[in-house]
Amino acid sequence: MVEKNVSTGGRGTSRRIIGKDDKTSSGPMFANLGNNKKTQSSNQFISVGRGTGKIQFGDIAPTSAKKIPEKASGKGKWIRTGRGTGRIWVK
């Protein structure tokens, strides 16, 4: 089933109604699509190293999603304020 969504233009000056498909370019469905294409073309060669070498596409290790790092703590550090002229010690 196709769901209707309102999409805005680049600067927000135009609006249009579009159909939202299940085929989005994110999430596990997109990852599976990429992995399937990679396995189908695993015996093809690709150029690497500024075009000076070549390897098989199947030899590249699979990548995983990046982990979001924890928010850095400012405890026990000096923080610059203003335009870099002042500083505050964070307890």
C-alpha atoms as a PDB file:
ATOM      1  CA  MET A   1       0.000   0.000   0.000  1.00  0.00           C
ATOM      2  CA  VAL A   2       1.293   3.440  -0.909  1.00  0.00           C
ATOM      3  CA  GLU A   3       0.902   6.146   1.702  1.00  0.00           C
ATOM      4  CA  LYS A   4       0.546   9.823   0.748  1.00  0.00           C
ATOM      5  CA  ASN A   5       3.045  12.303   2.198  1.00  0.00           C
ATOM      6  CA  VAL A   6       3.638  16.019   1.758  1.00  0.00           C
ATOM      7  CA  SER A   7       7.172  16.840   0.634  1.00  0.00           C
ATOM      8  CA  THR A   8       8.604  20.348   0.681  1.00  0.00           C
ATOM      9  CA  GLY A   9      11.117  21.771  -1.750  1.00  0.00           C
ATOM     10  CA  GLY A  10      14.697  22.789  -1.007  1.00  0.00           C
ATOM     11  CA  ARG A  11      13.992  26.148   0.649  1.00  0.00           C
ATOM     12  CA  GLY A  12      10.483  25.351   1.784  1.00  0.00           C
ATOM     13  CA  THR A  13       8.841  27.411  -0.972  1.00  0.00           C
ATOM     14  CA  SER A  14       7.103  24.541  -2.752  1.00  0.00           C
ATOM     15  CA  ARG A  15       5.013  21.608  -1.549  1.00  0.00           C
ATOM     16  CA  ARG A  16       3.971  18.452  -3.357  1.00  0.00           C
ATOM     17  CA  ILE A  17       2.149  15.271  -2.423  1.00  0.00           C
ATOM     18  CA  ILE A  18       4.177  12.147  -3.055  1.00  0.00           C
ATOM     19  CA  GLY A  19       3.580   8.449  -2.527  1.00  0.00           C
ATOM     20  CA  LYS A  20       5.764   6.854   0.123  1.00  0.00           C
ATOM     21  CA  ASP A  21       7.030   3.433  -0.920  1.00  0.00           C
ATOM     22  CA  ASP A  22       8.374   0.718   1.307  1.00  0.00           C
ATOM     23  CA  LYS A  23      11.622   0.979  -0.674  1.00  0.00           C
ATOM     24  CA  THR A  24      13.588   3.510   1.342  1.00  0.00           C
ATOM     25  CA  SER A  25      17.332   3.942   1.256  1.00  0.00           C
ATOM     26  CA  SER A  26      17.877   3.183   4.930  1.00  0.00           C
ATOM     27  CA  GLY A  27      17.409   0.410   7.416  1.00  0.00           C
ATOM     28  CA  PRO A  28      17.860  -3.341   7.205  1.00  0.00           C
ATOM     29  CA  MET A  29      16.023  -3.693   3.892  1.00  0.00           C
ATOM     30  CA  PHE A  30      18.527  -1.396   2.174  1.00  0.00           C
ATOM     31  CA  ALA A  31      21.444  -3.206   3.843  1.00  0.00           C
ATOM     32  CA  ASN A  32      20.161  -6.552   2.566  1.00  0.00           C
ATOM     33  CA  LEU A  33      19.767  -5.101  -0.923  1.00  0.00           C
ATOM     34  CA  GLY A  34      23.397  -3.934  -0.894  1.00  0.00           C
ATOM     35  CA  ASN A  35      24.656  -7.271   0.421  1.00  0.00           C
ATOM     36  CA  ASN A  36      22.727  -9.153  -2.272  1.00  0.00           C
ATOM     37  CA  LYS A  37      24.224  -6.985  -5.017  1.00  0.00           C
ATOM     38  CA  LYS A  38      27.677  -7.490  -3.534  1.00  0.00           C
ATOM     39  CA  THR A  39      27.375 -11.279  -3.502  1.00  0.00           C
ATOM     40  CA  GLN A  40      26.132 -11.277  -7.098  1.00  0.00           C
ATOM     41  CA  SER A  41      29.148  -9.278  -8.280  1.00  0.00           C
ATOM     42  CA  SER A  42      31.708 -10.814  -5.905  1.00  0.00           C
ATOM     43  CA  ASN A  43      33.816 -12.306  -8.718  1.00  0.00           C
ATOM     44  CA  GLN A  44      34.284  -8.989 -10.548  1.00  0.00           C
ATOM     45  CA  PHE A  45      37.455  -6.933 -10.174  1.00  0.00           C
ATOM     46  CA  ILE A  46      37.550  -3.322  -9.015  1.00  0.00           C
ATOM     47  CA  SER A  47      40.432  -0.868  -9.224  1.00  0.00           C
ATOM     48  CA  VAL A  48      42.013   0.421  -6.017  1.00  0.00           C
ATOM     49  CA  GLY A  49      44.955   2.597  -5.038  1.00  0.00           C
ATOM     50  CA  ARG A  50      44.513   5.408  -7.586  1.00  0.00           C
ATOM     51  CA  GLY A  51      43.864   2.868 -10.292  1.00  0.00           C
ATOM     52  CA  THR A  52      47.196   1.081  -9.897  1.00  0.00           C
ATOM     53  CA  GLY A  53      45.883  -2.162  -8.409  1.00  0.00           C
ATOM     54  CA  LYS A  54      42.855  -4.375  -8.619  1.00  0.00           C
ATOM     55  CA  ILE A  55      41.105  -6.755  -6.237  1.00  0.00           C
ATOM     56  CA  GLN A  56      38.016  -8.908  -6.355  1.00  0.00           C
ATOM     57  CA  PHE A  57      34.897  -7.241  -5.031  1.00  0.00           C
ATOM     58  CA  GLY A  58      34.142 -10.246  -2.802  1.00  0.00           C
ATOM     59  CA  ASP A  59      37.469  -9.831  -0.954  1.00  0.00           C
ATOM     60  CA  ILE A  60      36.289  -6.610   0.724  1.00  0.00           C
ATOM     61  CA  ALA A  61      35.119  -7.245   4.296  1.00  0.00           C
ATOM     62  CA  PRO A  62      31.505  -6.325   5.046  1.00  0.00           C
ATOM     63  CA  THR A  63      30.976  -3.085   6.911  1.00  0.00           C
ATOM     64  CA  SER A  64      28.578  -2.505   9.757  1.00  0.00           C
ATOM     65  CA  ALA A  65      26.718   0.556  10.954  1.00  0.00           C
ATOM     66  CA  LYS A  66      28.750   3.117  12.845  1.00  0.00           C
ATOM     67  CA  LYS A  67      28.232   3.230  16.588  1.00  0.00           C
ATOM     68  CA  ILE A  68      27.292   6.610  17.985  1.00  0.00           C
ATOM     69  CA  PRO A  69      29.945   7.619  20.530  1.00  0.00           C
ATOM     70  CA  GLU A  70      28.904   8.655  23.993  1.00  0.00           C
ATOM     71  CA  LYS A  71      28.645  12.359  24.632  1.00  0.00           C
ATOM     72  CA  ALA A  72      31.987  13.738  25.760  1.00  0.00           C
ATOM     73  CA  SER A  73      32.125  14.902  29.346  1.00  0.00           C
ATOM     74  CA  GLY A  74      33.692  18.231  30.191  1.00  0.00           C
ATOM     75  CA  LYS A  75      34.383  17.341  33.819  1.00  0.00           C
ATOM     76  CA  GLY A  76      37.869  18.245  34.996  1.00  0.00           C
ATOM     77  CA  LYS A  77      38.628  20.380  31.948  1.00  0.00           C
ATOM     78  CA  TRP A  78      38.856  24.015  31.036  1.00  0.00           C
ATOM     79  CA  ILE A  79      36.229  25.307  28.582  1.00  0.00           C
ATOM     80  CA  ARG A  80      36.902  28.381  26.469  1.00  0.00           C
ATOM     81  CA  THR A  81      34.208  31.065  26.452  1.00  0.00           C
ATOM     82  CA  GLY A  82      33.418  34.134  24.411  1.00  0.00           C
ATOM     83  CA  ARG A  83      35.810  34.420  21.504  1.00  0.00           C
ATOM     84  CA  GLY A  84      38.447  32.315  23.190  1.00  0.00           C
ATOM     85  CA  THR A  85      39.405  35.015  25.673  1.00  0.00           C
ATOM     86  CA  GLY A  86      37.900  33.512  28.833  1.00  0.00           C
ATOM     87  CA  ARG A  87      37.835  30.099  30.396  1.00  0.00           C
ATOM     88  CA  ILE A  88      35.725  28.183  32.913  1.00  0.00           C
ATOM     89  CA  TRP A  89      36.754  25.162  34.990  1.00  0.00           C
ATOM     90  CA  VAL A  90      34.117  22.412  34.872  1.00  0.00           C
ATOM     91  CA  LYS A  91      33.818  20.530  38.179  1.00  0.00           C
END
